[in-house]
């Protein structure tokens, strides 16, 4: 009987964490850095800040 290996669990193609391939995470991170230098950066930042304030709610 053959023993199960990490490659068997991961599908045999590189490291995976929570089912996400490493190259996908790197690609998303690089895309985020690229977006930060475009005209969309202020809109993304204000949207992020307002979303954080909604989640955090008012603090006394």
PDB file of N, CA and C in Angstrom:
ATOM      1  N   UNK A   1       0.837  -1.179   0.000  1.00  0.00           N
ATOM      2  CA  UNK A   1       0.000   0.000   0.000  1.00  0.00           C
ATOM      3  C   UNK A   1       0.885   1.246   0.000  1.00  0.00           C
ATOM      4  N   UNK A   2       0.569   2.202  -0.873  1.00  0.00           N
ATOM      5  CA  UNK A   2       1.362   3.413  -1.032  1.00  0.00           C
ATOM      6  C   UNK A   2       0.943   4.453   0.001  1.00  0.00           C
ATOM      7  N   UNK A   3       1.944   5.149   0.571  1.00  0.00           N
ATOM      8  CA  UNK A   3       1.655   6.176   1.563  1.00  0.00           C
ATOM      9  C   UNK A   3       1.304   7.493   0.881  1.00  0.00           C
ATOM     10  N   UNK A   4       0.399   8.229   1.474  1.00  0.00           N
ATOM     11  CA  UNK A   4       0.012   9.531   0.951  1.00  0.00           C
ATOM     12  C   UNK A   4       1.112  10.544   1.234  1.00  0.00           C
ATOM     13  N   UNK A   5       1.378  11.412   0.280  1.00  0.00           N
ATOM     14  CA  UNK A   5       2.399  12.435   0.452  1.00  0.00           C
ATOM     15  C   UNK A   5       1.757  13.816   0.373  1.00  0.00           C
ATOM     16  N   UNK A   6       2.556  14.821   0.659  1.00  0.00           N
ATOM     17  CA  UNK A   6       2.072  16.190   0.584  1.00  0.00           C
ATOM     18  C   UNK A   6       1.663  16.515  -0.844  1.00  0.00           C
ATOM     19  N   UNK A   7       2.416  16.023  -1.835  1.00  0.00           N
ATOM     20  CA  UNK A   7       2.081  16.281  -3.230  1.00  0.00           C
ATOM     21  C   UNK A   7       0.739  15.676  -3.595  1.00  0.00           C
ATOM     22  N   UNK A   8       0.393  14.540  -3.013  1.00  0.00           N
ATOM     23  CA  UNK A   8      -0.910  13.942  -3.287  1.00  0.00           C
ATOM     24  C   UNK A   8      -2.036  14.842  -2.779  1.00  0.00           C
ATOM     25  N   UNK A   9      -1.844  15.413  -1.611  1.00  0.00           N
ATOM     26  CA  UNK A   9      -2.861  16.272  -1.013  1.00  0.00           C
ATOM     27  C   UNK A   9      -2.971  17.587  -1.791  1.00  0.00           C
ATOM     28  N   UNK A  10      -1.827  18.128  -2.216  1.00  0.00           N
ATOM     29  CA  UNK A  10      -1.810  19.416  -2.902  1.00  0.00           C
ATOM     30  C   UNK A  10      -2.081  19.302  -4.392  1.00  0.00           C
ATOM     31  N   UNK A  11      -2.323  18.156  -4.894  1.00  0.00           N
ATOM     32  CA  UNK A  11      -2.563  18.016  -6.313  1.00  0.00           C
ATOM     33  C   UNK A  11      -1.288  17.889  -7.118  1.00  0.00           C
ATOM     34  N   UNK A  12      -0.147  17.807  -6.454  1.00  0.00           N
ATOM     35  CA  UNK A  12       1.109  17.593  -7.137  1.00  0.00           C
ATOM     36  C   UNK A  12       1.715  18.832  -7.770  1.00  0.00           C
ATOM     37  N   UNK A  13       1.153  20.006  -7.585  1.00  0.00           N
ATOM     38  CA  UNK A  13       1.673  21.179  -8.273  1.00  0.00           C
ATOM     39  C   UNK A  13       2.018  22.339  -7.372  1.00  0.00           C
ATOM     40  N   UNK A  14       3.072  22.263  -6.625  1.00  0.00           N
ATOM     41  CA  UNK A  14       3.512  23.395  -5.820  1.00  0.00           C
ATOM     42  C   UNK A  14       2.782  23.498  -4.491  1.00  0.00           C
ATOM     43  N   UNK A  15       3.205  24.482  -3.719  1.00  0.00           N
ATOM     44  CA  UNK A  15       2.629  24.680  -2.389  1.00  0.00           C
ATOM     45  C   UNK A  15       1.264  25.340  -2.505  1.00  0.00           C
ATOM     46  N   UNK A  16       0.347  24.910  -1.673  1.00  0.00           N
ATOM     47  CA  UNK A  16      -0.983  25.514  -1.629  1.00  0.00           C
ATOM     48  C   UNK A  16      -1.356  25.768  -0.180  1.00  0.00           C
ATOM     49  N   UNK A  17      -2.019  26.864   0.045  1.00  0.00           N
ATOM     50  CA  UNK A  17      -2.482  27.204   1.381  1.00  0.00           C
ATOM     51  C   UNK A  17      -3.941  27.579   1.264  1.00  0.00           C
ATOM     52  N   UNK A  18      -4.781  26.857   1.952  1.00  0.00           N
ATOM     53  CA  UNK A  18      -6.227  27.045   1.888  1.00  0.00           C
ATOM     54  C   UNK A  18      -6.753  26.916   0.456  1.00  0.00           C
ATOM     55  N   UNK A  19      -6.119  26.088  -0.335  1.00  0.00           N
ATOM     56  CA  UNK A  19      -6.577  25.833  -1.691  1.00  0.00           C
ATOM     57  C   UNK A  19      -6.193  26.895  -2.697  1.00  0.00           C
ATOM     58  N   UNK A  20      -5.306  27.835  -2.333  1.00  0.00           N
ATOM     59  CA  UNK A  20      -4.892  28.899  -3.243  1.00  0.00           C
ATOM     60  C   UNK A  20      -3.434  28.680  -3.627  1.00  0.00           C
ATOM     61  N   UNK A  21      -3.168  28.704  -4.899  1.00  0.00           N
ATOM     62  CA  UNK A  21      -1.798  28.522  -5.365  1.00  0.00           C
ATOM     63  C   UNK A  21      -0.957  29.753  -5.066  1.00  0.00           C
ATOM     64  N   UNK A  22       0.339  29.547  -4.849  1.00  0.00           N
ATOM     65  CA  UNK A  22       1.253  30.628  -4.494  1.00  0.00           C
ATOM     66  C   UNK A  22       1.317  31.686  -5.590  1.00  0.00           C
ATOM     67  N   UNK A  23       1.363  31.269  -6.843  1.00  0.00           N
ATOM     68  CA  UNK A  23       1.495  32.239  -7.938  1.00  0.00           C
ATOM     69  C   UNK A  23       0.267  33.145  -8.030  1.00  0.00           C
ATOM     70  N   UNK A  24      -0.909  32.637  -7.619  1.00  0.00           N
ATOM     71  CA  UNK A  24      -2.113  33.471  -7.632  1.00  0.00           C
ATOM     72  C   UNK A  24      -1.989  34.578  -6.584  1.00  0.00           C
ATOM     73  N   UNK A  25      -1.500  34.237  -5.412  1.00  0.00           N
ATOM     74  CA  UNK A  25      -1.321  35.227  -4.346  1.00  0.00           C
ATOM     75  C   UNK A  25      -0.307  36.287  -4.767  1.00  0.00           C
ATOM     76  N   UNK A  26       0.791  35.851  -5.375  1.00  0.00           N
ATOM     77  CA  UNK A  26       1.818  36.791  -5.837  1.00  0.00           C
ATOM     78  C   UNK A  26       1.251  37.707  -6.920  1.00  0.00           C
ATOM     79  N   UNK A  27       0.488  37.149  -7.841  1.00  0.00           N
ATOM     80  CA  UNK A  27      -0.108  37.941  -8.916  1.00  0.00           C
ATOM     81  C   UNK A  27      -1.063  39.002  -8.369  1.00  0.00           C
ATOM     82  N   UNK A  28      -1.897  38.627  -7.401  1.00  0.00           N
ATOM     83  CA  UNK A  28      -2.827  39.579  -6.798  1.00  0.00           C
ATOM     84  C   UNK A  28      -2.072  40.686  -6.054  1.00  0.00           C
ATOM     85  N   UNK A  29      -1.006  40.316  -5.340  1.00  0.00           N
ATOM     86  CA  UNK A  29      -0.215  41.314  -4.622  1.00  0.00           C
ATOM     87  C   UNK A  29       0.447  42.295  -5.589  1.00  0.00           C
ATOM     88  N   UNK A  30       1.025  41.786  -6.672  1.00  0.00           N
ATOM     89  CA  UNK A  30       1.651  42.666  -7.658  1.00  0.00           C
ATOM     90  C   UNK A  30       0.627  43.569  -8.336  1.00  0.00           C
ATOM     91  N   UNK A  31      -0.554  43.038  -8.589  1.00  0.00           N
ATOM     92  CA  UNK A  31      -1.615  43.845  -9.185  1.00  0.00           C
ATOM     93  C   UNK A  31      -2.020  44.972  -8.234  1.00  0.00           C
ATOM     94  N   UNK A  32      -2.059  44.687  -6.947  1.00  0.00           N
ATOM     95  CA  UNK A  32      -2.380  45.710  -5.948  1.00  0.00           C
ATOM     96  C   UNK A  32      -1.337  46.810  -5.901  1.00  0.00           C
ATOM     97  N   UNK A  33      -0.057  46.434  -5.980  1.00  0.00           N
ATOM     98  CA  UNK A  33       1.003  47.443  -6.009  1.00  0.00           C
ATOM     99  C   UNK A  33       0.905  48.293  -7.269  1.00  0.00           C
ATOM    100  N   UNK A  34       0.577  47.667  -8.386  1.00  0.00           N
ATOM    101  CA  UNK A  34       0.417  48.417  -9.632  1.00  0.00           C
ATOM    102  C   UNK A  34      -0.763  49.388  -9.541  1.00  0.00           C
ATOM    103  N   UNK A  35      -1.873  48.914  -8.971  1.00  0.00           N
ATOM    104  CA  UNK A  35      -3.050  49.775  -8.834  1.00  0.00           C
ATOM    105  C   UNK A  35      -2.782  50.979  -7.943  1.00  0.00           C
ATOM    106  N   UNK A  36      -1.890  50.832  -6.980  1.00  0.00           N
ATOM    107  CA  UNK A  36      -1.619  51.935  -6.058  1.00  0.00           C
ATOM    108  C   UNK A  36      -0.949  53.109  -6.749  1.00  0.00           C
ATOM    109  N   UNK A  37      -0.439  52.891  -7.948  1.00  0.00           N
ATOM    110  CA  UNK A  37       0.212  53.966  -8.696  1.00  0.00           C
ATOM    111  C   UNK A  37      -0.639  54.448  -9.861  1.00  0.00           C
ATOM    112  N   UNK A  38      -1.921  54.157  -9.840  1.00  0.00           N
ATOM    113  CA  UNK A  38      -2.813  54.588 -10.914  1.00  0.00           C
ATOM    114  C   UNK A  38      -3.817  55.605 -10.378  1.00  0.00           C
ATOM    115  N   UNK A  39      -4.665  56.098 -11.255  1.00  0.00           N
ATOM    116  CA  UNK A  39      -5.677  57.069 -10.861  1.00  0.00           C
ATOM    117  C   UNK A  39      -6.754  56.452  -9.962  1.00  0.00           C
ATOM    118  N   UNK A  40      -6.795  55.130  -9.867  1.00  0.00           N
ATOM    119  CA  UNK A  40      -7.794  54.463  -9.018  1.00  0.00           C
ATOM    120  C   UNK A  40      -7.412  54.440  -7.537  1.00  0.00           C
ATOM    121  N   UNK A  41      -6.173  54.768  -7.214  1.00  0.00           N
ATOM    122  CA  UNK A  41      -5.691  54.668  -5.835  1.00  0.00           C
ATOM    123  C   UNK A  41      -6.524  55.475  -4.837  1.00  0.00           C
ATOM    124  N   UNK A  42      -6.857  56.754  -5.120  1.00  0.00           N
ATOM    125  CA  UNK A  42      -7.660  57.501  -4.130  1.00  0.00           C
ATOM    126  C   UNK A  42      -9.037  56.881  -3.883  1.00  0.00           C
ATOM    127  N   UNK A  43      -9.664  56.370  -4.932  1.00  0.00           N
ATOM    128  CA  UNK A  43     -10.978  55.754  -4.754  1.00  0.00           C
ATOM    129  C   UNK A  43     -10.882  54.473  -3.940  1.00  0.00           C
ATOM    130  N   UNK A  44      -9.844  53.696  -4.188  1.00  0.00           N
ATOM    131  CA  UNK A  44      -9.660  52.448  -3.441  1.00  0.00           C
ATOM    132  C   UNK A  44      -9.390  52.759  -1.969  1.00  0.00           C
ATOM    133  N   UNK A  45      -8.556  53.769  -1.721  1.00  0.00           N
ATOM    134  CA  UNK A  45      -8.234  54.112  -0.332  1.00  0.00           C
ATOM    135  C   UNK A  45      -9.449  54.625   0.420  1.00  0.00           C
ATOM    136  N   UNK A  46     -10.235  55.510  -0.203  1.00  0.00           N
ATOM    137  CA  UNK A  46     -11.409  56.042   0.495  1.00  0.00           C
ATOM    138  C   UNK A  46     -12.446  54.947   0.725  1.00  0.00           C
ATOM    139  N   UNK A  47     -12.595  54.041  -0.231  1.00  0.00           N
ATOM    140  CA  UNK A  47     -13.522  52.920  -0.059  1.00  0.00           C
ATOM    141  C   UNK A  47     -13.089  51.998   1.062  1.00  0.00           C
ATOM    142  N   UNK A  48     -11.780  51.783   1.150  1.00  0.00           N
ATOM    143  CA  UNK A  48     -11.255  50.938   2.223  1.00  0.00           C
ATOM    144  C   UNK A  48     -11.480  51.580   3.582  1.00  0.00           C
ATOM    145  N   UNK A  49     -11.204  52.873   3.664  1.00  0.00           N
ATOM    146  CA  UNK A  49     -11.379  53.580   4.950  1.00  0.00           C
ATOM    147  C   UNK A  49     -12.841  53.612   5.384  1.00  0.00           C
ATOM    148  N   UNK A  50     -13.746  53.841   4.445  1.00  0.00           N
ATOM    149  CA  UNK A  50     -15.155  53.876   4.827  1.00  0.00           C
ATOM    150  C   UNK A  50     -15.641  52.476   5.212  1.00  0.00           C
ATOM    151  N   UNK A  51     -15.136  51.455   4.535  1.00  0.00           N
ATOM    152  CA  UNK A  51     -15.504  50.081   4.904  1.00  0.00           C
ATOM    153  C   UNK A  51     -15.009  49.714   6.282  1.00  0.00           C
ATOM    154  N   UNK A  52     -13.803  50.142   6.612  1.00  0.00           N
ATOM    155  CA  UNK A  52     -13.256  49.880   7.943  1.00  0.00           C
ATOM    156  C   UNK A  52     -14.066  50.597   9.005  1.00  0.00           C
ATOM    157  N   UNK A  53     -14.464  51.842   8.731  1.00  0.00           N
ATOM    158  CA  UNK A  53     -15.245  52.578   9.728  1.00  0.00           C
ATOM    159  C   UNK A  53     -16.638  51.954   9.916  1.00  0.00           C
ATOM    160  N   UNK A  54     -17.196  51.401   8.866  1.00  0.00           N
ATOM    161  CA  UNK A  54     -18.494  50.723   8.990  1.00  0.00           C
ATOM    162  C   UNK A  54     -18.345  49.462   9.846  1.00  0.00           C
ATOM    163  N   UNK A  55     -17.285  48.706   9.594  1.00  0.00           N
ATOM    164  CA  UNK A  55     -17.076  47.459  10.352  1.00  0.00           C
ATOM    165  C   UNK A  55     -16.765  47.753  11.799  1.00  0.00           C
ATOM    166  N   UNK A  56     -15.899  48.749  12.033  1.00  0.00           N
ATOM    167  CA  UNK A  56     -15.518  49.072  13.415  1.00  0.00           C
ATOM    168  C   UNK A  56     -16.640  49.742  14.196  1.00  0.00           C
ATOM    169  N   UNK A  57     -17.466  50.498  13.504  1.00  0.00           N
ATOM    170  CA  UNK A  57     -18.570  51.174  14.174  1.00  0.00           C
ATOM    171  C   UNK A  57     -18.079  52.344  14.999  1.00  0.00           C
ATOM    172  N   UNK A  58     -19.015  53.032  15.620  1.00  0.00           N
ATOM    173  CA  UNK A  58     -18.629  54.192  16.446  1.00  0.00           C
ATOM    174  C   UNK A  58     -17.990  53.749  17.751  1.00  0.00           C
ATOM    175  N   UNK A  59     -16.941  54.448  18.108  1.00  0.00           N
ATOM    176  CA  UNK A  59     -16.289  54.197  19.397  1.00  0.00           C
ATOM    177  C   UNK A  59     -16.541  55.358  20.327  1.00  0.00           C
ATOM    178  N   UNK A  60     -16.892  55.050  21.546  1.00  0.00           N
ATOM    179  CA  UNK A  60     -17.219  56.121  22.514  1.00  0.00           C
ATOM    180  C   UNK A  60     -15.998  56.786  23.052  1.00  0.00           C
TER     181      UNK A  60
END
